[in-house]
Amino acid sequence: MDITAMIALVIALALFFDFTNGFHDTANAMATPIATGAIKPRPAVALAAVLNLVGAFLSTEVAKTISSGIIREGSPGVHITPEIIFAGLIGAIVWNMFTWLRGLPSSSSHALFGGLIGAAIVGIGVSSVNFPSIVSKVIIPAVAAPIIAGLSAWICTRIAYLVTARRDPGSGEKLHQGRGGFRIGQIFTSSLVALSHGTNDAQKTMGVITLVLIAAGAQTPGSSPQWWVILACATAIGLGTYAGGWRIIRTVGTGLTEVRPAQGFSSESSTAAAILASSHLGFALSTTQVTSGSVIGSGLGRRGTSIRWGTAGRIAVGWILTLPAAAVVGGLAALVIGVGPVGVIIIAVVGVASIVWMFAISRRQRVGHNDVVEVEEAGEAVSFPPRKRTQKGGAR
């Protein structure tokens, strides 16, 4: 296949992946404020879309990790081809669509890494993968970030309920008090999450497009994304976010725990801090894992709440399977593509057919913004049971 046509095909596929990343990860920013009633579903995704677009222009450190840290490219490394990148993107997109269909908040980032790694190993060899970089930039953040964010959300939630607690001056008992003011704060913290998501996740597609341009000799190894790549990726993830991933929003917003405004505020603050720090350091973080960890941490931090560990277990299984599953699909695609241009056509047809098939199934079990149920009386705090008092000297 002509190299120019192949590059155009890969860029188009990369932007489609960016689009799926947007609607797959909308829940990261807007699931909890929607669940608490801080903001309505449609305005929430519109706000997230704009901030994802803006965030994509703030940094390119993660893009450099993708374009030069995961797969070795250029002399003296291994020369990766646009065909291999095409196969990796197929693996990432197919897994993204499958998990979206199941309402499972898996990692779009790890799907991308897995697809590229599997395709590179099959198409080139094990030496094409920069394993030390994967461990330091992907694996360690994947394990540490959700734990750190969850612990931070737990602490923030405990503090939020402690400092806002009121007591009856006469009895000293805690009162049942609304904390609806946190809803206003949630608008700002969820906006910060959306901005940080654009900063981290849009860069991954920038890195892929930069990688294919380097592979084709149109850009020097180790260079930053070009301005048109940044603009295209920012637009794609913004449009995807506006499309709204309602299935996953429902899972994160109400499937893990019953979210109150103080929890949502704490969860979103912790998520944004973790993502922004990782973006600054060039860590290709899974924003989905960070968000889920924060939501669980905030649930554990509120007295009287419960975590739906069955849902949390499903999400954890999805985390574990994402990278290897996408790697298998990417590897199989690279194997077929290895036969030549006919293989590229076969994989393109099979990939499109798979996406259309999953989309058709989703229409039979449609989930829209009206199905994202707000938590009843979300502005109310937990009611603490009264303690028994010993009366001395009679009532006052």
Protein backbone atom coordinates (compact mmCIF):
# COMPACT_ATOMS: atom_id res chain seq x y z
CA MET A 1 0.00 0.00 0.00
CA ASP A 2 1.19 3.52 -0.80
CA ILE A 3 2.94 5.05 2.23
CA THR A 4 0.94 8.30 2.01
CA ALA A 5 -2.36 6.42 1.97
CA MET A 6 -1.22 4.27 4.89
CA ILE A 7 -0.25 7.32 6.95
CA ALA A 8 -3.61 8.96 6.23
CA LEU A 9 -5.41 5.75 7.24
CA VAL A 10 -3.48 5.50 10.52
CA ILE A 11 -4.06 9.17 11.38
CA ALA A 12 -7.81 8.79 10.72
CA LEU A 13 -7.91 5.66 12.89
CA ALA A 14 -5.93 7.39 15.65
CA LEU A 15 -8.39 10.28 15.70
CA PHE A 16 -11.28 7.81 15.89
CA PHE A 17 -9.57 6.19 18.87
CA ASP A 18 -9.30 9.67 20.40
CA PHE A 19 -13.04 10.09 19.87
CA THR A 20 -13.77 6.77 21.62
CA ASN A 21 -11.42 7.82 24.41
CA GLY A 22 -13.53 10.94 24.89
CA PHE A 23 -16.90 9.24 25.30
CA HIS A 24 -15.36 6.29 27.15
CA ASP A 25 -13.78 8.56 29.78
CA THR A 26 -16.43 11.28 30.18
CA ALA A 27 -17.37 9.56 33.43
CA ASN A 28 -13.98 10.41 34.89
CA ALA A 29 -14.97 14.04 35.28
CA MET A 30 -18.74 14.14 35.31
CA ALA A 31 -20.10 10.91 36.84
CA THR A 32 -20.07 12.11 40.46
CA PRO A 33 -21.42 15.66 39.92
CA ILE A 34 -24.23 14.18 37.80
CA ALA A 35 -24.94 11.59 40.51
CA THR A 36 -25.20 14.25 43.23
CA GLY A 37 -27.25 16.65 41.13
CA ALA A 38 -24.50 19.29 41.07
CA ILE A 39 -24.95 19.63 37.33
CA LYS A 40 -27.40 18.18 34.82
CA PRO A 41 -26.17 15.46 32.42
CA ARG A 42 -26.20 17.39 29.14
CA PRO A 43 -24.53 20.59 30.44
CA ALA A 44 -22.03 18.36 32.26
CA VAL A 45 -20.77 16.63 29.12
CA ALA A 46 -20.75 19.92 27.20
CA LEU A 47 -18.59 21.51 29.89
CA ALA A 48 -16.30 18.46 29.95
CA ALA A 49 -15.96 18.57 26.16
CA VAL A 50 -14.81 22.20 26.13
CA LEU A 51 -12.34 21.66 28.98
CA ASN A 52 -10.97 18.46 27.41
CA LEU A 53 -10.27 20.46 24.26
CA VAL A 54 -8.55 23.25 26.22
CA GLY A 55 -6.55 20.81 28.34
CA ALA A 56 -5.05 19.17 25.27
CA PHE A 57 -3.05 22.34 24.57
CA LEU A 58 -1.45 22.59 28.01
CA SER A 59 1.34 20.01 27.79
CA THR A 60 3.04 17.49 25.49
CA GLU A 61 5.11 15.48 28.00
CA VAL A 62 2.84 12.43 27.84
CA ALA A 63 2.84 12.57 24.03
CA LYS A 64 6.64 12.31 24.10
CA THR A 65 6.37 9.22 26.31
CA ILE A 66 4.09 7.55 23.76
CA SER A 67 6.05 8.58 20.66
CA SER A 68 9.50 7.72 21.97
CA GLY A 69 9.16 5.86 25.28
CA ILE A 70 6.97 2.78 24.73
CA ILE A 71 8.03 1.51 21.30
CA ARG A 72 11.58 1.99 20.06
CA GLU A 73 11.67 3.93 16.80
CA GLY A 74 14.32 5.22 14.47
CA SER A 75 18.09 4.62 14.47
CA PRO A 76 19.67 3.11 16.53
CA GLY A 77 16.43 1.54 17.72
CA VAL A 78 13.91 -0.62 15.89
CA HIS A 79 12.12 0.88 12.91
CA ILE A 80 8.39 0.63 13.49
CA THR A 81 6.08 0.87 10.48
CA PRO A 82 2.70 2.61 10.01
CA GLU A 83 1.18 -0.85 9.46
CA ILE A 84 2.21 -1.95 12.94
CA ILE A 85 0.74 1.21 14.46
CA PHE A 86 -2.46 0.58 12.49
CA ALA A 87 -2.71 -2.93 13.99
CA GLY A 88 -2.13 -1.57 17.49
CA LEU A 89 -4.90 1.01 17.10
CA ILE A 90 -7.32 -1.70 15.97
CA GLY A 91 -6.60 -3.61 19.17
CA ALA A 92 -7.17 -0.51 21.31
CA ILE A 93 -10.40 0.55 19.58
CA VAL A 94 -12.00 -2.90 19.61
CA TRP A 95 -11.35 -3.27 23.36
CA ASN A 96 -12.56 0.28 24.04
CA MET A 97 -15.83 -0.40 22.23
CA PHE A 98 -16.32 -3.73 23.99
CA THR A 99 -15.84 -2.27 27.48
CA TRP A 100 -18.06 0.69 26.63
CA LEU A 101 -20.79 -1.73 25.53
CA ARG A 102 -20.47 -3.53 28.88
CA GLY A 103 -20.51 -0.23 30.81
CA LEU A 104 -17.08 -1.09 32.20
CA PRO A 105 -14.78 1.87 33.03
CA SER A 106 -11.60 0.28 31.72
CA SER A 107 -8.48 2.20 30.76
CA SER A 108 -8.35 3.62 27.24
CA SER A 109 -4.69 4.34 27.88
CA HIS A 110 -3.81 0.74 28.70
CA ALA A 111 -5.85 -0.43 25.71
CA LEU A 112 -3.66 1.77 23.52
CA PHE A 113 -0.44 0.57 25.15
CA GLY A 114 -1.53 -3.05 24.90
CA GLY A 115 -2.50 -2.77 21.24
CA LEU A 116 0.79 -1.16 20.28
CA ILE A 117 2.89 -3.59 22.35
CA GLY A 118 1.13 -6.67 20.95
CA ALA A 119 1.40 -5.44 17.37
CA ALA A 120 5.07 -4.51 17.78
CA ILE A 121 6.02 -7.87 19.31
CA VAL A 122 4.28 -9.86 16.56
CA GLY A 123 5.26 -7.57 13.69
CA ILE A 124 8.85 -6.76 14.69
CA GLY A 125 9.93 -8.67 17.77
CA VAL A 126 10.27 -8.38 21.53
CA SER A 127 13.27 -6.05 21.15
CA SER A 128 10.98 -3.36 19.72
CA VAL A 129 9.36 -2.79 23.12
CA ASN A 130 11.02 -0.51 25.65
CA PHE A 131 10.16 -2.54 28.76
CA PRO A 132 12.02 -0.36 31.32
CA SER A 133 10.01 2.64 30.15
CA ILE A 134 6.77 0.64 30.35
CA VAL A 135 7.51 -0.34 33.92
CA SER A 136 8.45 3.17 35.06
CA LYS A 137 5.94 5.18 33.01
CA VAL A 138 2.96 2.80 32.83
CA ILE A 139 2.97 -0.15 35.27
CA ILE A 140 4.13 1.64 38.43
CA PRO A 141 1.71 4.60 37.93
CA ALA A 142 -1.09 2.11 37.19
CA VAL A 143 -0.60 0.48 40.59
CA ALA A 144 0.32 3.52 42.65
CA ALA A 145 -1.98 6.24 41.29
CA PRO A 146 -5.38 4.67 42.21
CA ILE A 147 -4.12 3.83 45.71
CA ILE A 148 -2.72 7.33 46.28
CA ALA A 149 -5.86 8.98 44.87
CA GLY A 150 -8.12 6.71 46.94
CA LEU A 151 -6.19 7.47 50.14
CA SER A 152 -6.28 11.19 49.37
CA ALA A 153 -10.04 11.06 48.71
CA TRP A 154 -10.59 9.16 51.98
CA ILE A 155 -8.68 11.80 53.96
CA CYS A 156 -10.42 14.68 52.18
CA THR A 157 -13.85 13.16 52.78
CA ARG A 158 -13.16 12.64 56.47
CA ILE A 159 -11.96 16.22 56.79
CA ALA A 160 -14.96 17.56 54.83
CA TYR A 161 -17.46 15.88 57.14
CA LEU A 162 -15.46 16.82 60.24
CA VAL A 163 -15.20 20.54 59.56
CA THR A 164 -18.83 20.90 58.44
CA ALA A 165 -20.35 18.99 61.35
CA ARG A 166 -22.67 21.01 63.56
CA ARG A 167 -23.55 20.31 67.15
CA ASP A 168 -26.52 21.21 69.26
CA PRO A 169 -25.18 23.81 71.74
CA GLY A 170 -27.36 22.37 74.48
CA SER A 171 -26.64 18.67 74.02
CA GLY A 172 -23.44 18.55 72.02
CA GLU A 173 -25.04 16.02 69.67
CA LYS A 174 -24.30 16.10 65.93
CA LEU A 175 -27.20 17.34 63.87
CA HIS A 176 -28.51 16.04 60.57
CA GLN A 177 -27.14 18.77 58.33
CA GLY A 178 -27.31 19.40 54.59
CA ARG A 179 -24.01 19.94 52.83
CA GLY A 180 -25.41 21.12 49.53
CA GLY A 181 -22.74 23.83 49.33
CA PHE A 182 -20.33 21.16 48.16
CA ARG A 183 -22.37 20.92 44.98
CA ILE A 184 -21.11 24.33 43.93
CA GLY A 185 -17.57 23.22 44.67
CA GLN A 186 -18.13 20.10 42.57
CA ILE A 187 -18.67 22.20 39.47
CA PHE A 188 -15.14 23.58 39.85
CA THR A 189 -13.46 20.31 40.85
CA SER A 190 -15.13 18.30 38.07
CA SER A 191 -14.08 21.00 35.61
CA LEU A 192 -10.51 20.61 36.82
CA VAL A 193 -10.73 16.84 36.27
CA ALA A 194 -12.00 17.42 32.71
CA LEU A 195 -9.17 19.85 32.05
CA SER A 196 -6.57 17.43 33.41
CA HIS A 197 -8.09 14.57 31.42
CA GLY A 198 -7.59 16.52 28.22
CA THR A 199 -4.04 17.29 29.30
CA ASN A 200 -3.22 13.61 29.83
CA ASP A 201 -5.39 11.52 27.50
CA ALA A 202 -5.47 13.64 24.34
CA GLN A 203 -1.68 13.56 24.36
CA LYS A 204 -1.68 9.80 23.93
CA THR A 205 -3.21 10.10 20.48
CA MET A 206 -0.83 12.97 19.72
CA GLY A 207 1.99 10.58 20.56
CA VAL A 208 0.61 7.89 18.25
CA ILE A 209 0.28 10.26 15.29
CA THR A 210 3.75 11.62 16.00
CA LEU A 211 5.04 8.04 16.11
CA VAL A 212 3.59 7.23 12.67
CA LEU A 213 5.06 10.43 11.22
CA ILE A 214 8.45 9.45 12.65
CA ALA A 215 8.05 5.92 11.28
CA ALA A 216 7.33 7.36 7.82
CA GLY A 217 10.33 9.69 7.98
CA ALA A 218 8.18 12.81 8.05
CA GLN A 219 9.40 13.84 11.50
CA THR A 220 12.63 13.41 13.44
CA PRO A 221 12.75 10.92 16.37
CA GLY A 222 12.25 12.45 19.81
CA SER A 223 10.52 15.59 18.52
CA SER A 224 7.30 17.06 19.91
CA PRO A 225 3.87 16.85 18.22
CA GLN A 226 3.21 19.36 15.47
CA TRP A 227 0.60 22.07 16.02
CA TRP A 228 -1.96 20.54 13.64
CA VAL A 229 -1.68 17.20 15.46
CA ILE A 230 -2.43 18.91 18.79
CA LEU A 231 -5.43 20.73 17.28
CA ALA A 232 -6.84 17.60 15.61
CA CYS A 233 -6.51 15.48 18.76
CA ALA A 234 -7.99 18.18 20.98
CA THR A 235 -11.00 18.44 18.68
CA ALA A 236 -11.52 14.68 18.46
CA ILE A 237 -11.46 14.07 22.21
CA GLY A 238 -13.72 17.07 22.78
CA LEU A 239 -16.33 15.77 20.32
CA GLY A 240 -16.10 12.30 21.84
CA THR A 241 -16.64 13.69 25.31
CA TYR A 242 -19.72 15.60 24.18
CA ALA A 243 -21.14 12.35 22.77
CA GLY A 244 -21.36 11.21 26.39
CA GLY A 245 -20.49 7.72 27.66
CA TRP A 246 -23.73 7.29 29.59
CA ARG A 247 -23.21 3.58 30.32
CA ILE A 248 -19.94 4.22 32.08
CA ILE A 249 -21.20 7.39 33.76
CA ARG A 250 -23.95 5.29 35.34
CA THR A 251 -21.44 2.70 36.57
CA VAL A 252 -19.01 5.19 38.11
CA GLY A 253 -21.64 7.63 39.43
CA THR A 254 -24.01 5.18 41.12
CA GLY A 255 -22.59 1.69 40.64
CA LEU A 256 -19.65 1.86 43.05
CA THR A 257 -21.18 3.70 46.01
CA GLU A 258 -23.89 6.19 46.88
CA VAL A 259 -22.24 9.54 46.29
CA ARG A 260 -22.92 12.69 48.30
CA PRO A 261 -21.67 16.19 47.37
CA ALA A 262 -18.89 16.21 49.99
CA GLN A 263 -17.66 12.86 48.68
CA GLY A 264 -17.83 14.01 45.08
CA PHE A 265 -15.91 17.17 45.89
CA SER A 266 -13.19 15.16 47.67
CA SER A 267 -13.03 12.52 44.95
CA GLU A 268 -12.73 15.01 42.11
CA SER A 269 -10.09 17.07 43.91
CA SER A 270 -7.95 13.99 44.47
CA THR A 271 -8.41 12.79 40.89
CA ALA A 272 -7.43 16.14 39.37
CA ALA A 273 -4.35 16.46 41.57
CA ALA A 274 -3.11 12.98 40.65
CA ILE A 275 -3.68 13.42 36.91
CA LEU A 276 -2.09 16.88 36.70
CA ALA A 277 0.98 15.72 38.63
CA SER A 278 1.35 12.69 36.36
CA SER A 279 0.97 14.77 33.21
CA HIS A 280 3.72 17.10 34.40
CA LEU A 281 6.03 14.12 34.98
CA GLY A 282 5.18 12.51 31.64
CA PHE A 283 3.42 9.49 33.16
CA ALA A 284 0.85 8.02 30.75
CA LEU A 285 -1.67 7.54 33.51
CA SER A 286 -5.01 5.76 33.37
CA THR A 287 -7.43 8.50 34.36
CA THR A 288 -10.18 5.89 34.67
CA GLN A 289 -8.28 3.98 37.34
CA VAL A 290 -7.54 7.16 39.26
CA THR A 291 -11.21 8.20 39.19
CA SER A 292 -12.45 4.79 40.32
CA GLY A 293 -9.89 4.71 43.14
CA SER A 294 -10.96 8.18 44.28
CA VAL A 295 -14.66 7.28 44.26
CA ILE A 296 -14.02 4.16 46.36
CA GLY A 297 -11.80 6.13 48.75
CA SER A 298 -14.44 8.81 49.22
CA GLY A 299 -17.06 6.13 49.88
CA LEU A 300 -14.92 4.57 52.57
CA GLY A 301 -14.41 8.00 54.12
CA ARG A 302 -18.10 8.61 54.82
CA ARG A 303 -19.76 6.95 57.78
CA GLY A 304 -22.83 4.91 57.00
CA THR A 305 -22.02 4.27 53.35
CA SER A 306 -21.18 1.01 51.62
CA ILE A 307 -19.05 0.06 48.65
CA ARG A 308 -20.51 -2.23 46.02
CA TRP A 309 -17.54 -4.54 45.95
CA GLY A 310 -19.06 -6.70 43.22
CA THR A 311 -18.97 -3.76 40.81
CA ALA A 312 -15.51 -2.78 42.06
CA GLY A 313 -14.35 -6.35 41.39
CA ARG A 314 -15.68 -6.22 37.82
CA ILE A 315 -13.81 -2.97 37.25
CA ALA A 316 -10.61 -4.44 38.70
CA VAL A 317 -10.86 -7.45 36.40
CA GLY A 318 -11.28 -5.05 33.49
CA TRP A 319 -8.13 -3.21 34.57
CA ILE A 320 -6.14 -6.44 34.67
CA LEU A 321 -7.44 -7.72 31.32
CA THR A 322 -7.23 -4.48 29.32
CA LEU A 323 -3.54 -4.39 28.44
CA PRO A 324 -3.15 -8.13 27.59
CA ALA A 325 -6.52 -8.33 25.79
CA ALA A 326 -5.74 -5.33 23.59
CA ALA A 327 -2.25 -6.77 23.02
CA VAL A 328 -3.75 -10.04 21.77
CA VAL A 329 -6.08 -8.24 19.36
CA GLY A 330 -3.27 -5.95 18.19
CA GLY A 331 -0.95 -8.95 17.75
CA LEU A 332 -3.51 -10.86 15.69
CA ALA A 333 -4.09 -7.78 13.53
CA ALA A 334 -0.34 -7.42 12.98
CA LEU A 335 -0.12 -11.10 12.02
CA VAL A 336 -2.75 -10.67 9.29
CA ILE A 337 -1.30 -7.35 8.14
CA GLY A 338 2.05 -9.11 7.70
CA VAL A 339 0.78 -10.78 4.50
CA GLY A 340 0.74 -7.41 2.71
CA PRO A 341 -1.78 -4.80 1.52
CA VAL A 342 -4.52 -7.43 1.41
CA GLY A 343 -4.01 -8.00 5.11
CA VAL A 344 -4.48 -4.29 5.82
CA ILE A 345 -7.76 -4.33 3.93
CA ILE A 346 -8.94 -7.47 5.76
CA ILE A 347 -8.17 -6.01 9.18
CA ALA A 348 -9.80 -2.70 8.25
CA VAL A 349 -12.98 -4.48 7.14
CA VAL A 350 -13.08 -6.76 10.18
CA GLY A 351 -12.39 -3.81 12.52
CA VAL A 352 -15.16 -1.68 11.04
CA ALA A 353 -17.57 -4.64 11.10
CA SER A 354 -16.81 -5.26 14.79
CA ILE A 355 -17.39 -1.62 15.69
CA VAL A 356 -20.67 -1.47 13.74
CA TRP A 357 -21.84 -4.73 15.31
CA MET A 358 -21.17 -3.51 18.86
CA PHE A 359 -22.83 -0.18 18.13
CA ALA A 360 -25.91 -2.02 16.78
CA ILE A 361 -26.11 -4.09 19.97
CA SER A 362 -25.88 -0.92 22.05
CA ARG A 363 -28.92 0.50 20.26
CA ARG A 364 -31.01 -2.47 21.44
CA GLN A 365 -30.05 -1.76 25.05
CA ARG A 366 -29.84 2.00 24.78
CA VAL A 367 -28.62 4.04 27.75
CA GLY A 368 -29.07 7.81 27.48
CA HIS A 369 -28.72 10.84 29.71
CA ASN A 370 -32.22 10.22 31.09
CA ASP A 371 -31.06 6.86 32.45
CA VAL A 372 -28.34 8.43 34.60
CA VAL A 373 -30.28 8.65 37.86
CA GLU A 374 -29.42 11.31 40.39
CA VAL A 375 -29.04 10.23 44.00
CA GLU A 376 -32.10 11.06 46.06
CA GLU A 377 -31.53 13.83 48.62
CA ALA A 378 -27.91 14.05 47.54
CA GLY A 379 -27.37 17.28 49.42
CA GLU A 380 -28.01 15.68 52.80
CA ALA A 381 -25.27 14.37 55.02
CA VAL A 382 -25.33 11.07 56.85
CA SER A 383 -27.56 11.00 59.88
CA PHE A 384 -25.62 9.91 62.95
CA PRO A 385 -27.58 7.85 65.48
CA PRO A 386 -28.06 9.73 68.76
CA ARG A 387 -26.02 8.57 71.73
CA LYS A 388 -27.67 7.82 75.06
CA ARG A 389 -27.07 10.44 77.74
CA THR A 390 -27.16 10.03 81.47
CA GLN A 391 -29.28 12.74 83.06
CA LYS A 392 -27.79 14.32 86.17
CA GLY A 393 -29.84 16.51 88.40
CA GLY A 394 -32.87 16.39 86.14
CA ALA A 395 -33.62 18.25 82.91
CA ARG A 396 -32.43 21.82 82.50
